[in-house]
Structure formats: C-alpha cells, structure tokens
Amino acid sequence: VAAGRQAYVVCPLIDESDAVQVRSAEEAFADLSTGVLSDLRIGLLHGRVGRADKEETMRLFRFGELDVLVATTVIEVGVDVPNATVMVVLDAARFGIAQLHQLRGRVGRGAHISRCFLVGEAPTPDAEERLKALVRTTDGFELAEVDLDLRGEGTIMGERQKGRNDLRLASLRRDREWVEAAREVALSLVADGSGLEAHPELADEVDLFLGADESAFLLKS
C-alpha cells in the first residue's frame, strides 16, 4: 500500500459463527479498521451488501480510492483491478482448490509483482494437500487433477459428483487412455443409429451391469 498498490483480504464467512471457528468478513473488517490498518482506506464486500453499495465499493476500489478490500468469495470472478497486488486468504483450508485458484487470479493482473498468502491451519491431510498443491503449481489443469484425486470421481452412471466411483476396477483418472479408447469403440458401435440391437451379447452385458437407477439416469440424459 505504501508503494501505491492495493490488497484483498478474503474470509470464508460473512458473520461470526459459533459452529465454525473461522474469521468472518465483518469481524476482519472491524478489526483491521480499528487496528493495524486503521490509517488505511478499507472497504467491505460480501453477498449481503446491497447491489448499489456493492457497485459503489467496487468502483472505489477499482479507481484506487480504497486501499484494502475485505471480502468473501463474491470477488472470485469478474473482478479486474490490475493495481491490486496482494491477497491474504484467511482460514484458507475452508476453501476448495478451485475457489482458491480463482481467488488468487484476482491479483497479478497488472505489471507489478503480486503475491497471494494462504493463512491458517490445515485440519485434515486432504486440506493440507490442497494447500500444498496450490503452492506447488498455478496450472489449473494440474490442480483439477489433484482435486479429482482428493474428492473422488463420483458415480459414472449416476448423479453423485464426488466420492468413490462405481467402476469395479477402472479409474477415470488413472486409466484415462483406456476410457478414451472405450469411448471411441462405443461411438463407432452406435454410429449407424441402430444402438446395441446389432450386438445382442454386448447389450446383455450392459443390461447386466446397469441397475434400475443407472438405466434411468441414461434415459434421462
């Protein structure tokens, strides 16, 4: 800030919570405004701020009339302030990989050196691995693969988007080449529009493998 740059402070919650011991945006804003940053111009932005106030706060920050913006994930996308070069994410382990990757993309959008600080303890091994991955790489595809490994692939023939998959042996992540090859074979089999009618033995195997829920999912799709 002394060099003319601006900063974000990101919190996982709007208000304090008795159930979750993390810093809220309201709490951080109050502490910073009356504490170590009391001589700076600080703004507050979260989902309960009215539209007009939200737009005014962003306008002030965009034009350099605020030094620090305390916010929740409302700034995750669509915010472009090249002069903002520092982001501090409090209780970073409360966020997912995709959120943190999007958030840190709010800095480093100009010509100045930028930094993102992930603050807080990792309460689980998975949370620690998420934070380590973000420190290790800025490659969104690599981070997506780490996220897939940690969260699980979910069901292939169903609607569950995370957790253990329903394949007996294969893994979408580990066996990507085989999955892609199987897809090409499947596409060639149904390319003539007859579906599996010309391949009764394969149709029997599909019926045997799929249950009622999976069949309904495919029909709905």
Protein backbone atom coordinates (compact mmCIF):
# COMPACT_ATOMS: atom_id res chain seq x y z
CA VAL A 1 0.00 0.00 0.00
CA ALA A 2 2.89 2.35 0.78
CA ALA A 3 4.10 1.76 -2.78
CA GLY A 4 0.71 2.74 -4.18
CA ARG A 5 -0.66 -0.77 -4.61
CA GLN A 6 -3.88 -2.29 -3.21
CA ALA A 7 -4.79 -5.52 -1.41
CA TYR A 8 -7.59 -8.00 -0.79
CA VAL A 9 -8.36 -9.79 2.47
CA VAL A 10 -10.65 -12.76 1.84
CA CYS A 11 -12.71 -14.54 4.52
CA PRO A 12 -14.83 -17.70 4.29
CA LEU A 13 -17.87 -16.32 6.18
CA ILE A 14 -19.84 -13.09 6.32
CA ASP A 15 -20.61 -13.14 10.07
CA GLU A 16 -19.11 -14.86 13.10
CA SER A 17 -20.32 -18.41 13.70
CA ASP A 18 -20.46 -20.36 16.95
CA ALA A 19 -20.32 -23.61 15.00
CA VAL A 20 -17.23 -22.79 12.92
CA GLN A 21 -14.18 -21.10 14.41
CA VAL A 22 -13.03 -19.00 11.46
CA ARG A 23 -12.61 -15.29 10.81
CA SER A 24 -15.63 -13.63 9.22
CA ALA A 25 -15.53 -10.71 6.80
CA GLU A 26 -17.43 -8.47 9.21
CA GLU A 27 -15.05 -9.33 12.05
CA ALA A 28 -11.92 -8.87 9.93
CA PHE A 29 -13.20 -5.54 8.61
CA ALA A 30 -13.88 -4.24 12.13
CA ASP A 31 -10.52 -5.43 13.47
CA LEU A 32 -8.48 -4.03 10.60
CA SER A 33 -10.35 -0.72 10.50
CA THR A 34 -9.66 -0.05 14.17
CA GLY A 35 -6.33 -1.88 14.47
CA VAL A 36 -3.16 -2.27 12.44
CA LEU A 37 -4.67 -0.81 9.26
CA SER A 38 -6.66 1.99 10.87
CA ASP A 39 -4.80 4.60 8.82
CA LEU A 40 -5.82 2.99 5.51
CA ARG A 41 -9.00 3.22 3.48
CA ILE A 42 -10.76 -0.14 3.86
CA GLY A 43 -13.90 -1.41 2.13
CA LEU A 44 -16.18 -4.38 2.83
CA LEU A 45 -17.88 -6.57 0.25
CA HIS A 46 -19.99 -9.71 0.67
CA GLY A 47 -23.21 -11.30 -0.54
CA ARG A 48 -25.50 -9.37 1.80
CA VAL A 49 -24.26 -5.96 0.71
CA GLY A 50 -26.91 -4.26 -1.41
CA ARG A 51 -26.35 -4.03 -5.14
CA ALA A 52 -25.88 -0.26 -5.18
CA ASP A 53 -23.44 -0.35 -2.25
CA LYS A 54 -21.60 -3.27 -3.82
CA GLU A 55 -21.16 -1.43 -7.10
CA GLU A 56 -20.01 1.71 -5.29
CA THR A 57 -17.47 -0.22 -3.21
CA MET A 58 -16.06 -1.89 -6.33
CA ARG A 59 -15.93 1.46 -8.11
CA LEU A 60 -13.96 2.99 -5.25
CA PHE A 61 -11.55 0.07 -5.17
CA ARG A 62 -11.15 -0.03 -8.94
CA PHE A 63 -10.26 3.66 -9.08
CA GLY A 64 -7.82 3.48 -6.17
CA GLU A 65 -9.99 5.23 -3.60
CA LEU A 66 -9.79 2.21 -1.28
CA ASP A 67 -6.50 0.66 -0.20
CA VAL A 68 -7.79 -2.68 1.09
CA LEU A 69 -10.92 -4.63 0.25
CA VAL A 70 -12.17 -7.16 2.81
CA ALA A 71 -14.44 -9.62 1.04
CA THR A 72 -15.89 -13.09 0.78
CA THR A 73 -15.86 -15.17 -2.41
CA VAL A 74 -18.06 -12.61 -4.18
CA ILE A 75 -14.81 -11.38 -5.74
CA GLU A 76 -13.99 -14.87 -7.06
CA VAL A 77 -14.87 -13.98 -10.66
CA GLY A 78 -15.45 -10.84 -12.69
CA VAL A 79 -13.15 -8.55 -10.70
CA ASP A 80 -10.26 -6.94 -12.56
CA VAL A 81 -8.14 -4.44 -10.64
CA PRO A 82 -4.57 -4.52 -12.05
CA ASN A 83 -3.28 -2.32 -9.23
CA ALA A 84 -4.21 -4.96 -6.61
CA THR A 85 -1.03 -6.95 -5.97
CA VAL A 86 -1.57 -8.71 -2.64
CA MET A 87 -4.25 -11.12 -1.47
CA VAL A 88 -4.48 -12.60 2.02
CA VAL A 89 -6.89 -15.53 2.34
CA LEU A 90 -7.81 -16.18 5.97
CA ASP A 91 -8.65 -19.74 7.04
CA ALA A 92 -7.64 -20.86 3.56
CA ALA A 93 -8.28 -24.53 4.32
CA ARG A 94 -12.02 -23.75 4.38
CA PHE A 95 -11.95 -23.16 0.62
CA GLY A 96 -11.71 -25.68 -2.18
CA ILE A 97 -8.88 -25.83 -4.71
CA ALA A 98 -10.98 -24.31 -7.49
CA GLN A 99 -12.10 -21.42 -5.28
CA LEU A 100 -8.57 -20.62 -4.13
CA HIS A 101 -7.24 -20.82 -7.67
CA GLN A 102 -9.95 -18.42 -8.86
CA LEU A 103 -9.41 -16.09 -5.93
CA ARG A 104 -5.68 -15.74 -6.39
CA GLY A 105 -6.34 -14.93 -10.02
CA ARG A 106 -7.65 -11.56 -8.81
CA VAL A 107 -4.04 -10.45 -8.23
CA GLY A 108 -1.21 -10.48 -10.72
CA ARG A 109 -3.38 -8.92 -13.40
CA GLY A 110 -1.05 -5.97 -13.95
CA ALA A 111 2.66 -5.37 -14.49
CA HIS A 112 3.58 -5.43 -10.80
CA ILE A 113 4.85 -8.43 -8.82
CA SER A 114 1.94 -9.96 -6.93
CA ARG A 115 1.54 -12.40 -4.07
CA CYS A 116 -1.23 -14.49 -2.54
CA PHE A 117 -0.88 -15.59 1.09
CA LEU A 118 -2.88 -18.61 2.28
CA VAL A 119 -3.27 -18.25 6.05
CA GLY A 120 -4.49 -20.80 8.58
CA GLU A 121 -4.05 -24.37 9.73
CA ALA A 122 -5.00 -27.41 7.66
CA PRO A 123 -7.28 -29.54 9.89
CA THR A 124 -7.06 -32.68 7.73
CA PRO A 125 -4.46 -34.35 5.47
CA ASP A 126 -6.64 -33.60 2.43
CA ALA A 127 -6.81 -29.91 3.35
CA GLU A 128 -3.03 -29.83 3.73
CA GLU A 129 -2.60 -31.49 0.33
CA ARG A 130 -4.92 -28.91 -1.27
CA LEU A 131 -2.84 -26.04 0.07
CA LYS A 132 0.44 -27.70 -0.92
CA ALA A 133 -0.87 -28.20 -4.46
CA LEU A 134 -1.74 -24.51 -4.73
CA VAL A 135 1.73 -23.53 -3.54
CA ARG A 136 3.33 -26.00 -5.96
CA THR A 137 1.59 -25.00 -9.19
CA THR A 138 -0.55 -22.39 -10.90
CA ASP A 139 -1.63 -24.84 -13.63
CA GLY A 140 -5.42 -25.08 -13.46
CA PHE A 141 -5.49 -28.50 -15.16
CA GLU A 142 -2.99 -29.97 -12.71
CA LEU A 143 -4.98 -28.55 -9.79
CA ALA A 144 -8.18 -30.05 -11.20
CA GLU A 145 -6.50 -33.47 -11.27
CA VAL A 146 -5.39 -33.08 -7.65
CA ASP A 147 -8.94 -32.07 -6.71
CA LEU A 148 -10.31 -35.12 -8.53
CA ASP A 149 -7.92 -37.41 -6.65
CA LEU A 150 -8.86 -35.91 -3.28
CA ARG A 151 -12.61 -35.61 -3.78
CA GLY A 152 -13.15 -38.80 -5.73
CA GLU A 153 -14.65 -39.30 -9.15
CA GLY A 154 -18.26 -39.86 -8.15
CA THR A 155 -20.54 -42.24 -9.98
CA ILE A 156 -20.13 -42.74 -13.71
CA MET A 157 -23.71 -43.90 -14.35
CA GLY A 158 -25.38 -41.63 -11.82
CA GLU A 159 -25.64 -38.13 -10.42
CA ARG A 160 -23.22 -38.23 -7.49
CA GLN A 161 -20.36 -35.90 -8.44
CA LYS A 162 -17.79 -36.85 -5.83
CA GLY A 163 -16.71 -39.76 -3.69
CA ARG A 164 -15.93 -43.31 -4.72
CA ASN A 165 -16.81 -44.23 -8.30
CA ASP A 166 -18.99 -47.17 -9.31
CA LEU A 167 -16.43 -48.86 -11.54
CA ARG A 168 -15.17 -52.17 -10.20
CA LEU A 169 -11.59 -51.91 -11.43
CA ALA A 170 -11.08 -48.84 -13.60
CA SER A 171 -10.38 -45.27 -12.59
CA LEU A 172 -11.16 -42.31 -14.83
CA ARG A 173 -8.02 -40.58 -13.59
CA ARG A 174 -5.59 -43.50 -13.74
CA ASP A 175 -6.97 -45.23 -16.82
CA ARG A 176 -7.73 -42.20 -18.96
CA GLU A 177 -6.27 -43.72 -22.14
CA TRP A 178 -8.39 -46.87 -21.79
CA VAL A 179 -11.51 -44.82 -21.05
CA GLU A 180 -10.92 -42.72 -24.18
CA ALA A 181 -10.35 -45.87 -26.27
CA ALA A 182 -13.57 -47.41 -24.92
CA ARG A 183 -15.44 -44.23 -25.78
CA GLU A 184 -14.24 -44.38 -29.38
CA VAL A 185 -15.35 -48.02 -29.65
CA ALA A 186 -18.76 -47.15 -28.18
CA LEU A 187 -19.21 -44.25 -30.60
CA SER A 188 -18.36 -46.45 -33.57
CA LEU A 189 -20.85 -49.11 -32.43
CA VAL A 190 -23.76 -46.70 -32.30
CA ALA A 191 -22.74 -44.50 -35.24
CA ASP A 192 -25.20 -46.20 -37.60
CA GLY A 193 -28.15 -45.38 -35.33
CA SER A 194 -29.08 -48.98 -34.52
CA GLY A 195 -27.72 -48.78 -30.99
CA LEU A 196 -26.92 -52.15 -29.49
CA GLU A 197 -29.54 -54.07 -31.45
CA ALA A 198 -26.84 -55.38 -33.79
CA HIS A 199 -24.76 -56.51 -30.81
CA PRO A 200 -27.10 -58.59 -28.60
CA GLU A 201 -24.34 -60.11 -26.48
CA LEU A 202 -22.96 -56.68 -25.65
CA ALA A 203 -26.48 -55.44 -24.94
CA ASP A 204 -26.95 -58.30 -22.45
CA GLU A 205 -23.72 -57.34 -20.68
CA VAL A 206 -24.82 -53.71 -20.46
CA ASP A 207 -28.19 -54.73 -19.01
CA LEU A 208 -26.44 -56.98 -16.52
CA PHE A 209 -24.03 -54.27 -15.44
CA LEU A 210 -26.55 -51.43 -15.14
CA GLY A 211 -29.17 -51.31 -12.43
CA ALA A 212 -32.50 -49.51 -12.49
CA ASP A 213 -31.05 -46.22 -11.22
CA GLU A 214 -28.28 -46.16 -13.79
CA SER A 215 -30.62 -47.06 -16.63
CA ALA A 216 -32.98 -44.27 -15.59
CA PHE A 217 -30.07 -41.84 -15.49
CA LEU A 218 -29.00 -42.75 -19.02
CA LEU A 219 -32.54 -42.46 -20.34
CA LYS A 220 -32.93 -39.07 -18.67
CA SER A 221 -29.65 -37.90 -20.18
